[in-house]
Amino acid sequence: MHIIRGEDDIQEGLAALVELDPRLRQIVSEAGPVPLRLREPGFEGLAHIIVSQVVSRASADAIWGRMMARMGRVSAKAYAELEPDAWRAFGLSLIKHDTLARVADVVVDGGLDLHSLSAESPEKALSELTAIKGIGPWTAEVYLMFCGGHADVFPVGDVALQAAVGMAFGHDVRPLPKVLAREAAVWMPWRSVAARLFWAYYAVKTRRDALPID
């Protein structure tokens, strides 16, 4: 199992992808630099992904800044020990707070080791994460890609990826997740690099950064 740790891994993945699917040569040439954007595995990385969902980057940054100011380091233990209504001052929604609280509790209790997920198969790691209420497939996949370093994950539910693949391959409509999953199967075992490539391609074509982690 490949684990992405640096830029060399991205380059290795891109070289493999254009051999697996020659159509990607043109995408690589148009996309420009393909970002790495790795975060350390652990509660902080997963919490940042949860906080950033469905809000603007500016709003996410503001919420995260207030969390850091309160806790110093956003750890599972620190979050679990917060007073019950602290989330309100952060600007979190109740749904996000509940999810973060559940993750913090299971990590503190030893029921989930977020660091060890890097060594597990994507299927097993995804199953462990999505067993926690509030953690959906997209959140789990993004965590495994950008914190766990998994090289073969492709978040088919990501709207920007759907749009990017549709633009790249001339689809009349944005491909549905099932269609995108079939398309992405060709890119195994480097689907995480393919996802980064299509996010970069999307950014070039739309002038918007759609990467789910900064």
N, C-alpha and C. Protein backbone atom coordinates (compact mmCIF):
# COMPACT_ATOMS: atom_id res chain seq x y z
N MET A 1 0.84 -1.20 0.00
CA MET A 1 0.00 0.00 0.00
C MET A 1 0.87 1.25 0.00
N HIS A 2 0.61 2.14 -0.96
CA HIS A 2 1.37 3.39 -1.04
C HIS A 2 0.89 4.37 0.04
N ILE A 3 1.83 5.10 0.62
CA ILE A 3 1.52 6.17 1.54
C ILE A 3 2.20 7.44 1.02
N ILE A 4 1.42 8.50 0.89
CA ILE A 4 1.94 9.77 0.37
C ILE A 4 2.56 10.55 1.53
N ARG A 5 3.84 10.88 1.40
CA ARG A 5 4.56 11.62 2.44
C ARG A 5 5.17 12.92 1.93
N GLY A 6 5.31 13.06 0.62
CA GLY A 6 5.97 14.26 0.11
C GLY A 6 5.73 14.45 -1.38
N GLU A 7 6.35 15.49 -1.93
CA GLU A 7 6.17 15.83 -3.34
C GLU A 7 6.63 14.72 -4.27
N ASP A 8 7.66 13.97 -3.87
CA ASP A 8 8.14 12.88 -4.72
C ASP A 8 7.05 11.83 -4.93
N ASP A 9 6.24 11.61 -3.92
CA ASP A 9 5.14 10.65 -4.05
C ASP A 9 4.09 11.14 -5.04
N ILE A 10 3.84 12.44 -5.02
CA ILE A 10 2.89 13.02 -5.98
C ILE A 10 3.41 12.83 -7.40
N GLN A 11 4.69 13.10 -7.61
CA GLN A 11 5.27 12.96 -8.94
C GLN A 11 5.26 11.50 -9.40
N GLU A 12 5.55 10.59 -8.47
CA GLU A 12 5.49 9.16 -8.81
C GLU A 12 4.07 8.77 -9.22
N GLY A 13 3.11 9.27 -8.46
CA GLY A 13 1.71 8.97 -8.77
C GLY A 13 1.28 9.52 -10.12
N LEU A 14 1.67 10.75 -10.42
CA LEU A 14 1.32 11.35 -11.71
C LEU A 14 1.92 10.56 -12.88
N ALA A 15 3.16 10.15 -12.72
CA ALA A 15 3.82 9.37 -13.78
C ALA A 15 3.08 8.05 -13.99
N ALA A 16 2.66 7.43 -12.90
CA ALA A 16 1.92 6.17 -13.02
C ALA A 16 0.55 6.39 -13.65
N LEU A 17 -0.09 7.49 -13.31
CA LEU A 17 -1.44 7.76 -13.81
C LEU A 17 -1.48 7.94 -15.32
N VAL A 18 -0.51 8.66 -15.86
CA VAL A 18 -0.54 8.88 -17.31
C VAL A 18 -0.23 7.61 -18.09
N GLU A 19 0.41 6.65 -17.42
CA GLU A 19 0.60 5.34 -18.04
C GLU A 19 -0.69 4.53 -17.96
N LEU A 20 -1.38 4.62 -16.82
CA LEU A 20 -2.64 3.89 -16.66
C LEU A 20 -3.73 4.44 -17.57
N ASP A 21 -3.74 5.76 -17.74
CA ASP A 21 -4.80 6.42 -18.51
C ASP A 21 -4.19 7.56 -19.31
N PRO A 22 -3.81 7.31 -20.57
CA PRO A 22 -3.14 8.34 -21.38
C PRO A 22 -3.95 9.64 -21.53
N ARG A 23 -5.26 9.59 -21.31
CA ARG A 23 -6.07 10.82 -21.39
C ARG A 23 -5.60 11.86 -20.38
N LEU A 24 -4.96 11.39 -19.31
CA LEU A 24 -4.58 12.31 -18.24
C LEU A 24 -3.35 13.16 -18.59
N ARG A 25 -2.64 12.81 -19.65
CA ARG A 25 -1.47 13.62 -20.02
C ARG A 25 -1.87 15.07 -20.27
N GLN A 26 -2.96 15.26 -20.98
CA GLN A 26 -3.43 16.61 -21.27
C GLN A 26 -3.88 17.31 -20.00
N ILE A 27 -4.54 16.56 -19.10
CA ILE A 27 -5.00 17.14 -17.84
C ILE A 27 -3.81 17.59 -17.00
N VAL A 28 -2.77 16.77 -16.96
CA VAL A 28 -1.56 17.12 -16.21
C VAL A 28 -0.93 18.39 -16.77
N SER A 29 -0.89 18.50 -18.09
CA SER A 29 -0.25 19.67 -18.71
C SER A 29 -1.05 20.94 -18.45
N GLU A 30 -2.37 20.82 -18.34
CA GLU A 30 -3.22 22.00 -18.12
C GLU A 30 -3.36 22.36 -16.64
N ALA A 31 -3.24 21.38 -15.78
CA ALA A 31 -3.51 21.61 -14.36
C ALA A 31 -2.41 22.38 -13.65
N GLY A 32 -1.17 22.27 -14.14
CA GLY A 32 -0.07 22.92 -13.46
C GLY A 32 0.33 22.15 -12.20
N PRO A 33 0.96 22.82 -11.23
CA PRO A 33 1.42 22.13 -10.02
C PRO A 33 0.28 21.46 -9.28
N VAL A 34 0.52 20.22 -8.87
CA VAL A 34 -0.48 19.46 -8.11
C VAL A 34 -0.10 19.53 -6.63
N PRO A 35 -0.94 20.15 -5.80
CA PRO A 35 -0.56 20.41 -4.41
C PRO A 35 -0.54 19.15 -3.55
N LEU A 36 0.33 19.16 -2.56
CA LEU A 36 0.44 18.06 -1.59
C LEU A 36 -0.53 18.28 -0.43
N ARG A 37 -0.33 19.39 0.28
CA ARG A 37 -1.19 19.83 1.39
C ARG A 37 -1.46 18.75 2.43
N LEU A 38 -0.43 18.14 2.94
CA LEU A 38 -0.59 17.16 4.00
C LEU A 38 -0.66 17.83 5.36
N ARG A 39 -1.49 17.28 6.24
CA ARG A 39 -1.53 17.68 7.65
C ARG A 39 -1.13 16.48 8.50
N GLU A 40 -0.70 16.75 9.70
CA GLU A 40 -0.38 15.67 10.62
C GLU A 40 -1.65 14.88 10.96
N PRO A 41 -1.54 13.54 11.02
CA PRO A 41 -2.71 12.77 11.44
C PRO A 41 -3.05 13.03 12.90
N GLY A 42 -4.31 12.84 13.26
CA GLY A 42 -4.73 13.05 14.63
C GLY A 42 -6.02 13.85 14.70
N PHE A 43 -6.45 14.13 15.91
CA PHE A 43 -7.71 14.83 16.13
C PHE A 43 -7.72 16.21 15.48
N GLU A 44 -6.62 16.93 15.58
CA GLU A 44 -6.59 18.29 15.06
C GLU A 44 -6.89 18.32 13.56
N GLY A 45 -6.27 17.39 12.81
CA GLY A 45 -6.50 17.35 11.37
C GLY A 45 -7.94 17.04 11.03
N LEU A 46 -8.52 16.05 11.70
CA LEU A 46 -9.91 15.68 11.45
C LEU A 46 -10.84 16.82 11.87
N ALA A 47 -10.55 17.44 13.00
CA ALA A 47 -11.38 18.55 13.47
C ALA A 47 -11.37 19.70 12.47
N HIS A 48 -10.23 19.98 11.89
CA HIS A 48 -10.14 21.08 10.92
C HIS A 48 -11.00 20.80 9.69
N ILE A 49 -11.01 19.54 9.24
CA ILE A 49 -11.85 19.17 8.10
C ILE A 49 -13.32 19.35 8.44
N ILE A 50 -13.71 18.92 9.62
CA ILE A 50 -15.11 19.05 10.05
C ILE A 50 -15.52 20.51 10.15
N VAL A 51 -14.68 21.32 10.75
CA VAL A 51 -14.96 22.76 10.91
C VAL A 51 -15.12 23.44 9.56
N SER A 52 -14.34 23.01 8.57
CA SER A 52 -14.29 23.69 7.28
C SER A 52 -15.43 23.33 6.34
N GLN A 53 -16.20 22.31 6.67
CA GLN A 53 -17.27 21.86 5.78
C GLN A 53 -18.41 22.87 5.69
N VAL A 54 -18.87 23.08 4.47
CA VAL A 54 -20.08 23.85 4.16
C VAL A 54 -20.04 25.28 4.68
N VAL A 55 -18.84 25.84 4.87
CA VAL A 55 -18.70 27.25 5.19
C VAL A 55 -17.58 27.81 4.33
N SER A 56 -17.52 29.12 4.22
CA SER A 56 -16.45 29.74 3.45
C SER A 56 -15.12 29.54 4.17
N ARG A 57 -14.05 29.66 3.42
CA ARG A 57 -12.72 29.52 4.03
C ARG A 57 -12.50 30.60 5.10
N ALA A 58 -13.00 31.81 4.84
CA ALA A 58 -12.84 32.88 5.83
C ALA A 58 -13.58 32.54 7.13
N SER A 59 -14.79 32.00 7.00
CA SER A 59 -15.55 31.62 8.20
C SER A 59 -14.86 30.49 8.94
N ALA A 60 -14.37 29.50 8.20
CA ALA A 60 -13.67 28.37 8.83
C ALA A 60 -12.43 28.86 9.56
N ASP A 61 -11.68 29.76 8.93
CA ASP A 61 -10.47 30.29 9.56
C ASP A 61 -10.80 31.04 10.85
N ALA A 62 -11.89 31.79 10.82
CA ALA A 62 -12.29 32.55 12.01
C ALA A 62 -12.68 31.61 13.15
N ILE A 63 -13.45 30.58 12.83
CA ILE A 63 -13.85 29.60 13.85
C ILE A 63 -12.63 28.89 14.41
N TRP A 64 -11.75 28.47 13.52
CA TRP A 64 -10.55 27.75 13.95
C TRP A 64 -9.66 28.64 14.82
N GLY A 65 -9.57 29.89 14.46
CA GLY A 65 -8.77 30.82 15.25
C GLY A 65 -9.30 30.96 16.67
N ARG A 66 -10.62 31.01 16.82
CA ARG A 66 -11.22 31.10 18.15
C ARG A 66 -11.00 29.81 18.95
N MET A 67 -11.04 28.68 18.26
CA MET A 67 -10.79 27.41 18.94
C MET A 67 -9.34 27.32 19.43
N MET A 68 -8.42 27.76 18.60
CA MET A 68 -7.02 27.73 18.99
C MET A 68 -6.75 28.70 20.13
N ALA A 69 -7.39 29.87 20.08
CA ALA A 69 -7.19 30.85 21.14
C ALA A 69 -7.69 30.31 22.49
N ARG A 70 -8.73 29.51 22.45
CA ARG A 70 -9.30 28.94 23.68
C ARG A 70 -8.51 27.74 24.18
N MET A 71 -8.09 26.88 23.25
CA MET A 71 -7.47 25.61 23.65
C MET A 71 -5.96 25.57 23.49
N GLY A 72 -5.41 26.50 22.73
CA GLY A 72 -3.98 26.44 22.41
C GLY A 72 -3.76 25.45 21.29
N ARG A 73 -3.79 24.18 21.62
CA ARG A 73 -3.72 23.12 20.61
C ARG A 73 -5.05 22.40 20.61
N VAL A 74 -5.61 22.20 19.43
CA VAL A 74 -6.93 21.57 19.32
C VAL A 74 -6.75 20.05 19.40
N SER A 75 -6.76 19.54 20.61
CA SER A 75 -6.59 18.10 20.83
C SER A 75 -7.90 17.49 21.29
N ALA A 76 -7.98 16.16 21.21
CA ALA A 76 -9.18 15.46 21.66
C ALA A 76 -9.42 15.72 23.15
N LYS A 77 -8.37 15.65 23.95
CA LYS A 77 -8.50 15.85 25.39
C LYS A 77 -8.98 17.26 25.70
N ALA A 78 -8.40 18.25 25.02
CA ALA A 78 -8.79 19.64 25.27
C ALA A 78 -10.25 19.87 24.88
N TYR A 79 -10.67 19.28 23.76
CA TYR A 79 -12.05 19.48 23.33
C TYR A 79 -13.02 18.78 24.28
N ALA A 80 -12.67 17.59 24.70
CA ALA A 80 -13.54 16.83 25.60
C ALA A 80 -13.72 17.52 26.95
N GLU A 81 -12.74 18.33 27.33
CA GLU A 81 -12.78 18.99 28.64
C GLU A 81 -13.40 20.39 28.59
N LEU A 82 -13.83 20.83 27.42
CA LEU A 82 -14.46 22.15 27.32
C LEU A 82 -15.79 22.18 28.08
N GLU A 83 -16.17 23.36 28.53
CA GLU A 83 -17.48 23.52 29.14
C GLU A 83 -18.56 23.26 28.07
N PRO A 84 -19.74 22.79 28.47
CA PRO A 84 -20.75 22.31 27.53
C PRO A 84 -21.14 23.29 26.42
N ASP A 85 -21.14 24.58 26.70
CA ASP A 85 -21.60 25.54 25.68
C ASP A 85 -20.46 26.31 25.03
N ALA A 86 -19.23 25.82 25.15
CA ALA A 86 -18.09 26.54 24.56
C ALA A 86 -18.21 26.66 23.05
N TRP A 87 -18.84 25.69 22.42
CA TRP A 87 -18.96 25.69 20.96
C TRP A 87 -19.67 26.94 20.44
N ARG A 88 -20.56 27.50 21.24
CA ARG A 88 -21.28 28.69 20.80
C ARG A 88 -20.33 29.86 20.56
N ALA A 89 -19.37 30.04 21.46
CA ALA A 89 -18.41 31.13 21.33
C ALA A 89 -17.49 30.93 20.13
N PHE A 90 -17.26 29.69 19.75
CA PHE A 90 -16.42 29.42 18.59
C PHE A 90 -17.13 29.76 17.28
N GLY A 91 -18.46 29.74 17.30
CA GLY A 91 -19.23 29.94 16.07
C GLY A 91 -19.55 28.65 15.36
N LEU A 92 -19.37 27.52 16.05
CA LEU A 92 -19.70 26.23 15.47
C LEU A 92 -21.21 26.02 15.44
N SER A 93 -21.68 25.20 14.50
CA SER A 93 -23.06 24.74 14.55
C SER A 93 -23.15 23.63 15.58
N LEU A 94 -24.35 23.38 16.07
CA LEU A 94 -24.55 22.31 17.04
C LEU A 94 -24.18 20.96 16.43
N ILE A 95 -24.51 20.77 15.16
CA ILE A 95 -24.21 19.49 14.50
C ILE A 95 -22.70 19.25 14.47
N LYS A 96 -21.94 20.28 14.11
CA LYS A 96 -20.48 20.11 14.07
C LYS A 96 -19.91 19.90 15.47
N HIS A 97 -20.44 20.63 16.43
CA HIS A 97 -19.97 20.44 17.81
C HIS A 97 -20.24 19.01 18.27
N ASP A 98 -21.44 18.51 18.00
CA ASP A 98 -21.77 17.15 18.43
C ASP A 98 -20.82 16.13 17.80
N THR A 99 -20.51 16.34 16.52
CA THR A 99 -19.58 15.42 15.85
C THR A 99 -18.20 15.49 16.47
N LEU A 100 -17.70 16.71 16.69
CA LEU A 100 -16.38 16.88 17.30
C LEU A 100 -16.35 16.28 18.70
N ALA A 101 -17.42 16.46 19.46
CA ALA A 101 -17.48 15.92 20.81
C ALA A 101 -17.45 14.40 20.80
N ARG A 102 -18.18 13.80 19.86
CA ARG A 102 -18.18 12.33 19.77
C ARG A 102 -16.80 11.81 19.39
N VAL A 103 -16.15 12.48 18.43
CA VAL A 103 -14.81 12.05 18.02
C VAL A 103 -13.84 12.20 19.20
N ALA A 104 -13.91 13.35 19.87
CA ALA A 104 -13.01 13.58 21.01
C ALA A 104 -13.19 12.51 22.08
N ASP A 105 -14.43 12.17 22.38
CA ASP A 105 -14.70 11.18 23.42
C ASP A 105 -14.15 9.81 23.05
N VAL A 106 -14.38 9.39 21.79
CA VAL A 106 -13.93 8.05 21.40
C VAL A 106 -12.41 7.98 21.32
N VAL A 107 -11.76 9.10 20.94
CA VAL A 107 -10.30 9.13 20.90
C VAL A 107 -9.74 9.08 22.33
N VAL A 108 -10.29 9.90 23.21
CA VAL A 108 -9.82 9.93 24.60
C VAL A 108 -10.03 8.58 25.27
N ASP A 109 -11.14 7.92 24.96
CA ASP A 109 -11.45 6.63 25.57
C ASP A 109 -10.64 5.48 24.97
N GLY A 110 -9.89 5.76 23.90
CA GLY A 110 -9.07 4.73 23.28
C GLY A 110 -9.80 3.88 22.26
N GLY A 111 -11.01 4.29 21.88
CA GLY A 111 -11.77 3.52 20.90
C GLY A 111 -11.36 3.77 19.47
N LEU A 112 -10.57 4.82 19.23
CA LEU A 112 -10.12 5.15 17.88
C LEU A 112 -8.73 5.75 17.94
N ASP A 113 -7.82 5.18 17.19
CA ASP A 113 -6.47 5.72 17.07
C ASP A 113 -6.33 6.33 15.68
N LEU A 114 -6.47 7.64 15.61
CA LEU A 114 -6.45 8.32 14.31
C LEU A 114 -5.09 8.20 13.61
N HIS A 115 -4.02 8.05 14.38
CA HIS A 115 -2.70 7.92 13.78
C HIS A 115 -2.52 6.57 13.09
N SER A 116 -3.11 5.54 13.64
CA SER A 116 -2.89 4.19 13.09
C SER A 116 -3.65 3.95 11.80
N LEU A 117 -4.59 4.82 11.45
CA LEU A 117 -5.38 4.62 10.23
C LEU A 117 -4.52 4.65 8.98
N SER A 118 -3.35 5.28 9.06
CA SER A 118 -2.46 5.33 7.90
C SER A 118 -2.00 3.94 7.50
N ALA A 119 -1.90 3.03 8.46
CA ALA A 119 -1.39 1.69 8.20
C ALA A 119 -2.49 0.70 7.84
N GLU A 120 -3.74 1.12 7.90
CA GLU A 120 -4.85 0.22 7.60
C GLU A 120 -5.28 0.37 6.15
N SER A 121 -5.98 -0.62 5.65
CA SER A 121 -6.53 -0.51 4.30
C SER A 121 -7.54 0.63 4.27
N PRO A 122 -7.71 1.27 3.10
CA PRO A 122 -8.71 2.34 3.03
C PRO A 122 -10.10 1.88 3.46
N GLU A 123 -10.46 0.66 3.09
CA GLU A 123 -11.79 0.16 3.42
C GLU A 123 -11.99 0.06 4.93
N LYS A 124 -11.00 -0.50 5.63
CA LYS A 124 -11.11 -0.66 7.07
C LYS A 124 -11.08 0.70 7.77
N ALA A 125 -10.18 1.58 7.32
CA ALA A 125 -10.07 2.90 7.92
C ALA A 125 -11.36 3.70 7.72
N LEU A 126 -11.94 3.63 6.53
CA LEU A 126 -13.19 4.34 6.27
C LEU A 126 -14.31 3.80 7.14
N SER A 127 -14.34 2.49 7.32
CA SER A 127 -15.36 1.88 8.15
C SER A 127 -15.25 2.35 9.60
N GLU A 128 -14.04 2.45 10.12
CA GLU A 128 -13.85 2.91 11.51
C GLU A 128 -14.29 4.35 11.68
N LEU A 129 -13.96 5.19 10.71
CA LEU A 129 -14.31 6.61 10.83
C LEU A 129 -15.80 6.84 10.68
N THR A 130 -16.41 6.21 9.68
CA THR A 130 -17.83 6.46 9.43
C THR A 130 -18.73 5.77 10.46
N ALA A 131 -18.15 4.94 11.31
CA ALA A 131 -18.93 4.36 12.41
C ALA A 131 -19.30 5.40 13.45
N ILE A 132 -18.60 6.53 13.43
CA ILE A 132 -18.89 7.62 14.36
C ILE A 132 -19.97 8.51 13.75
N LYS A 133 -21.06 8.69 14.46
CA LYS A 133 -22.16 9.50 13.96
C LYS A 133 -21.67 10.91 13.63
N GLY A 134 -21.99 11.36 12.42
CA GLY A 134 -21.57 12.70 11.98
C GLY A 134 -20.40 12.67 11.03
N ILE A 135 -19.67 11.55 10.99
CA ILE A 135 -18.56 11.41 10.05
C ILE A 135 -19.06 10.66 8.83
N GLY A 136 -19.26 11.37 7.72
CA GLY A 136 -19.71 10.75 6.49
C GLY A 136 -18.55 10.31 5.63
N PRO A 137 -18.85 9.67 4.50
CA PRO A 137 -17.78 9.19 3.61
C PRO A 137 -16.83 10.29 3.16
N TRP A 138 -17.36 11.46 2.80
CA TRP A 138 -16.50 12.53 2.29
C TRP A 138 -15.49 12.96 3.36
N THR A 139 -15.97 13.19 4.57
CA THR A 139 -15.08 13.61 5.67
C THR A 139 -14.01 12.56 5.91
N ALA A 140 -14.41 11.30 5.95
CA ALA A 140 -13.46 10.22 6.19
C ALA A 140 -12.44 10.11 5.07
N GLU A 141 -12.89 10.22 3.84
CA GLU A 141 -11.99 10.11 2.69
C GLU A 141 -10.98 11.25 2.66
N VAL A 142 -11.45 12.46 2.93
CA VAL A 142 -10.54 13.61 2.94
C VAL A 142 -9.51 13.47 4.06
N TYR A 143 -9.95 12.98 5.22
CA TYR A 143 -8.99 12.76 6.31
C TYR A 143 -7.93 11.73 5.90
N LEU A 144 -8.35 10.63 5.32
CA LEU A 144 -7.39 9.60 4.93
C LEU A 144 -6.42 10.10 3.87
N MET A 145 -6.90 10.94 2.96
CA MET A 145 -6.03 11.48 1.91
C MET A 145 -5.02 12.46 2.46
N PHE A 146 -5.50 13.45 3.21
CA PHE A 146 -4.67 14.59 3.55
C PHE A 146 -4.03 14.52 4.94
N CYS A 147 -4.49 13.61 5.76
CA CYS A 147 -3.86 13.40 7.07
C CYS A 147 -3.23 12.01 7.17
N GLY A 148 -3.91 11.03 6.64
CA GLY A 148 -3.39 9.66 6.69
C GLY A 148 -2.40 9.33 5.58
N GLY A 149 -2.41 10.12 4.51
CA GLY A 149 -1.48 9.87 3.41
C GLY A 149 -1.86 8.73 2.49
N HIS A 150 -3.10 8.26 2.59
CA HIS A 150 -3.54 7.16 1.72
C HIS A 150 -3.47 7.59 0.25
N ALA A 151 -2.92 6.73 -0.57
CA ALA A 151 -2.71 7.08 -1.98
C ALA A 151 -3.85 6.64 -2.88
N ASP A 152 -4.78 5.84 -2.37
CA ASP A 152 -5.80 5.27 -3.26
C ASP A 152 -7.21 5.52 -2.74
N VAL A 153 -7.53 6.79 -2.56
CA VAL A 153 -8.86 7.21 -2.11
C VAL A 153 -9.36 8.27 -3.09
N PHE A 154 -10.63 8.18 -3.49
CA PHE A 154 -11.20 9.16 -4.41
C PHE A 154 -12.60 9.52 -3.94
N PRO A 155 -12.80 10.74 -3.41
CA PRO A 155 -14.10 11.15 -2.86
C PRO A 155 -15.12 11.44 -3.96
N VAL A 156 -15.83 10.40 -4.38
CA VAL A 156 -16.73 10.55 -5.53
C VAL A 156 -17.90 11.48 -5.23
N GLY A 157 -18.17 11.77 -3.97
CA GLY A 157 -19.24 12.69 -3.63
C GLY A 157 -18.85 14.15 -3.66
N ASP A 158 -17.58 14.43 -3.96
CA ASP A 158 -17.09 15.82 -3.99
C ASP A 158 -17.57 16.50 -5.28
N VAL A 159 -18.32 17.59 -5.12
CA VAL A 159 -18.93 18.25 -6.27
C VAL A 159 -17.88 18.82 -7.22
N ALA A 160 -16.80 19.37 -6.68
CA ALA A 160 -15.76 19.93 -7.54
C ALA A 160 -15.08 18.84 -8.36
N LEU A 161 -14.85 17.68 -7.77
CA LEU A 161 -14.26 16.58 -8.53
C LEU A 161 -15.21 16.11 -9.63
N GLN A 162 -16.48 16.03 -9.31
CA GLN A 162 -17.46 15.66 -10.33
C GLN A 162 -17.42 16.64 -11.50
N ALA A 163 -17.39 17.93 -11.16
CA ALA A 163 -17.37 18.96 -12.19
C ALA A 163 -16.08 18.90 -13.00
N ALA A 164 -14.96 18.70 -12.32
CA ALA A 164 -13.66 18.68 -13.00
C ALA A 164 -13.57 17.52 -13.97
N VAL A 165 -13.98 16.33 -13.55
CA VAL A 165 -13.94 15.17 -14.44
C VAL A 165 -14.90 15.37 -15.61
N GLY A 166 -16.06 15.94 -15.31
CA GLY A 166 -17.00 16.22 -16.37
C GLY A 166 -16.44 17.18 -17.41
N MET A 167 -15.78 18.24 -16.95
CA MET A 167 -15.15 19.20 -17.88
C MET A 167 -14.04 18.56 -18.67
N ALA A 168 -13.22 17.77 -17.98
CA ALA A 168 -12.04 17.18 -18.62
C ALA A 168 -12.42 16.21 -19.73
N PHE A 169 -13.49 15.44 -19.51
CA PHE A 169 -13.83 14.38 -20.45
C PHE A 169 -15.09 14.67 -21.26
N GLY A 170 -15.54 15.91 -21.22
CA GLY A 170 -16.62 16.34 -22.10
C GLY A 170 -17.99 15.79 -21.78
N HIS A 171 -18.26 15.54 -20.51
CA HIS A 171 -19.61 15.11 -20.12
C HIS A 171 -20.58 16.26 -20.28
N ASP A 172 -21.79 15.96 -20.73
CA ASP A 172 -22.81 17.00 -20.85
C ASP A 172 -23.31 17.45 -19.49
N VAL A 173 -23.33 16.53 -18.54
CA VAL A 173 -23.75 16.85 -17.18
C VAL A 173 -22.68 16.33 -16.22
N ARG A 174 -22.67 16.88 -15.02
CA ARG A 174 -21.72 16.45 -14.01
C ARG A 174 -21.95 14.97 -13.68
N PRO A 175 -20.93 14.13 -13.76
CA PRO A 175 -21.12 12.70 -13.50
C PRO A 175 -21.56 12.42 -12.08
N LEU A 176 -22.49 11.50 -11.94
CA LEU A 176 -22.96 11.09 -10.63
C LEU A 176 -21.87 10.27 -9.92
N PRO A 177 -21.96 10.16 -8.58
CA PRO A 177 -20.93 9.42 -7.85
C PRO A 177 -20.66 8.02 -8.38
N LYS A 178 -21.71 7.27 -8.75
CA LYS A 178 -21.50 5.91 -9.25
C LYS A 178 -20.73 5.91 -10.56
N VAL A 179 -21.03 6.87 -11.41
CA VAL A 179 -20.31 7.00 -12.69
C VAL A 179 -18.87 7.39 -12.44
N LEU A 180 -18.68 8.33 -11.51
CA LEU A 180 -17.32 8.79 -11.20
C LEU A 180 -16.50 7.66 -10.57
N ALA A 181 -17.12 6.84 -9.76
CA ALA A 181 -16.41 5.71 -9.15
C ALA A 181 -15.90 4.75 -10.22
N ARG A 182 -16.72 4.49 -11.23
CA ARG A 182 -16.28 3.61 -12.33
C ARG A 182 -15.14 4.24 -13.10
N GLU A 183 -15.24 5.55 -13.33
CA GLU A 183 -14.17 6.26 -14.03
C GLU A 183 -12.87 6.18 -13.23
N ALA A 184 -12.97 6.43 -11.93
CA ALA A 184 -11.79 6.49 -11.08
C ALA A 184 -11.14 5.13 -10.86
N ALA A 185 -11.87 4.05 -11.07
CA ALA A 185 -11.30 2.71 -10.88
C ALA A 185 -10.08 2.49 -11.76
N VAL A 186 -10.04 3.16 -12.89
CA VAL A 186 -8.90 3.03 -13.82
C VAL A 186 -7.62 3.57 -13.17
N TRP A 187 -7.76 4.48 -12.22
CA TRP A 187 -6.60 5.18 -11.65
C TRP A 187 -6.04 4.51 -10.40
N MET A 188 -6.58 3.36 -10.02
CA MET A 188 -6.01 2.61 -8.91
C MET A 188 -4.57 2.19 -9.27
N PRO A 189 -3.62 2.19 -8.33
CA PRO A 189 -3.75 2.49 -6.89
C PRO A 189 -3.33 3.92 -6.53
N TRP A 190 -3.57 4.87 -7.46
CA TRP A 190 -3.15 6.26 -7.24
C TRP A 190 -4.32 7.22 -7.31
N ARG A 191 -5.48 6.79 -6.83
CA ARG A 191 -6.66 7.65 -6.96
C ARG A 191 -6.57 8.94 -6.15
N SER A 192 -5.82 8.93 -5.05
CA SER A 192 -5.67 10.16 -4.27
C SER A 192 -4.88 11.21 -5.05
N VAL A 193 -3.91 10.76 -5.83
CA VAL A 193 -3.16 11.70 -6.68
C VAL A 193 -4.05 12.17 -7.83
N ALA A 194 -4.86 11.27 -8.37
CA ALA A 194 -5.80 11.67 -9.42
C ALA A 194 -6.77 12.72 -8.89
N ALA A 195 -7.25 12.56 -7.66
CA ALA A 195 -8.16 13.55 -7.08
C ALA A 195 -7.46 14.90 -6.96
N ARG A 196 -6.22 14.90 -6.46
CA ARG A 196 -5.47 16.16 -6.37
C ARG A 196 -5.29 16.78 -7.75
N LEU A 197 -5.03 15.96 -8.73
CA LEU A 197 -4.86 16.45 -10.10
C LEU A 197 -6.14 17.14 -10.58
N PHE A 198 -7.27 16.52 -10.36
CA PHE A 198 -8.53 17.10 -10.86
C PHE A 198 -8.94 18.33 -10.04
N TRP A 199 -8.60 18.38 -8.77
CA TRP A 199 -8.84 19.61 -8.01
C TRP A 199 -7.98 20.75 -8.58
N ALA A 200 -6.73 20.44 -8.93
CA ALA A 200 -5.85 21.46 -9.52
C ALA A 200 -6.39 21.90 -10.88
N TYR A 201 -6.86 20.95 -11.65
CA TYR A 201 -7.45 21.25 -12.96
C TYR A 201 -8.68 22.14 -12.81
N TYR A 202 -9.52 21.81 -11.83
CA TYR A 202 -10.72 22.60 -11.55
C TYR A 202 -10.34 24.04 -11.19
N ALA A 203 -9.29 24.19 -10.39
CA ALA A 203 -8.86 25.53 -9.97
C ALA A 203 -8.42 26.36 -11.17
N VAL A 204 -7.72 25.72 -12.10
CA VAL A 204 -7.27 26.43 -13.31
C VAL A 204 -8.46 26.84 -14.16
N LYS A 205 -9.41 25.94 -14.32
CA LYS A 205 -10.53 26.19 -15.22
C LYS A 205 -11.56 27.18 -14.64
N THR A 206 -11.71 27.18 -13.33
CA THR A 206 -12.75 28.01 -12.72
C THR A 206 -12.20 29.17 -11.93
N ARG A 207 -10.86 29.19 -11.75
CA ARG A 207 -10.19 30.20 -10.92
C ARG A 207 -10.66 30.16 -9.47
N ARG A 208 -11.03 28.97 -9.02
CA ARG A 208 -11.44 28.78 -7.62
C ARG A 208 -10.72 27.57 -7.05
N ASP A 209 -10.14 27.74 -5.87
CA ASP A 209 -9.47 26.65 -5.20
C ASP A 209 -10.53 25.80 -4.49
N ALA A 210 -10.69 24.55 -4.94
CA ALA A 210 -11.71 23.68 -4.36
C ALA A 210 -11.11 22.60 -3.47
N LEU A 211 -9.81 22.61 -3.28
CA LEU A 211 -9.21 21.63 -2.39
C LEU A 211 -9.84 21.73 -1.01
N PRO A 212 -10.24 20.59 -0.43
CA PRO A 212 -10.96 20.64 0.85
C PRO A 212 -10.07 20.84 2.08
N ILE A 213 -8.82 21.15 1.89
CA ILE A 213 -7.92 21.39 3.01
C ILE A 213 -6.89 22.43 2.57
N ASP A 214 -6.50 23.33 3.48
CA ASP A 214 -5.56 24.36 3.08
C ASP A 214 -4.21 24.14 3.76
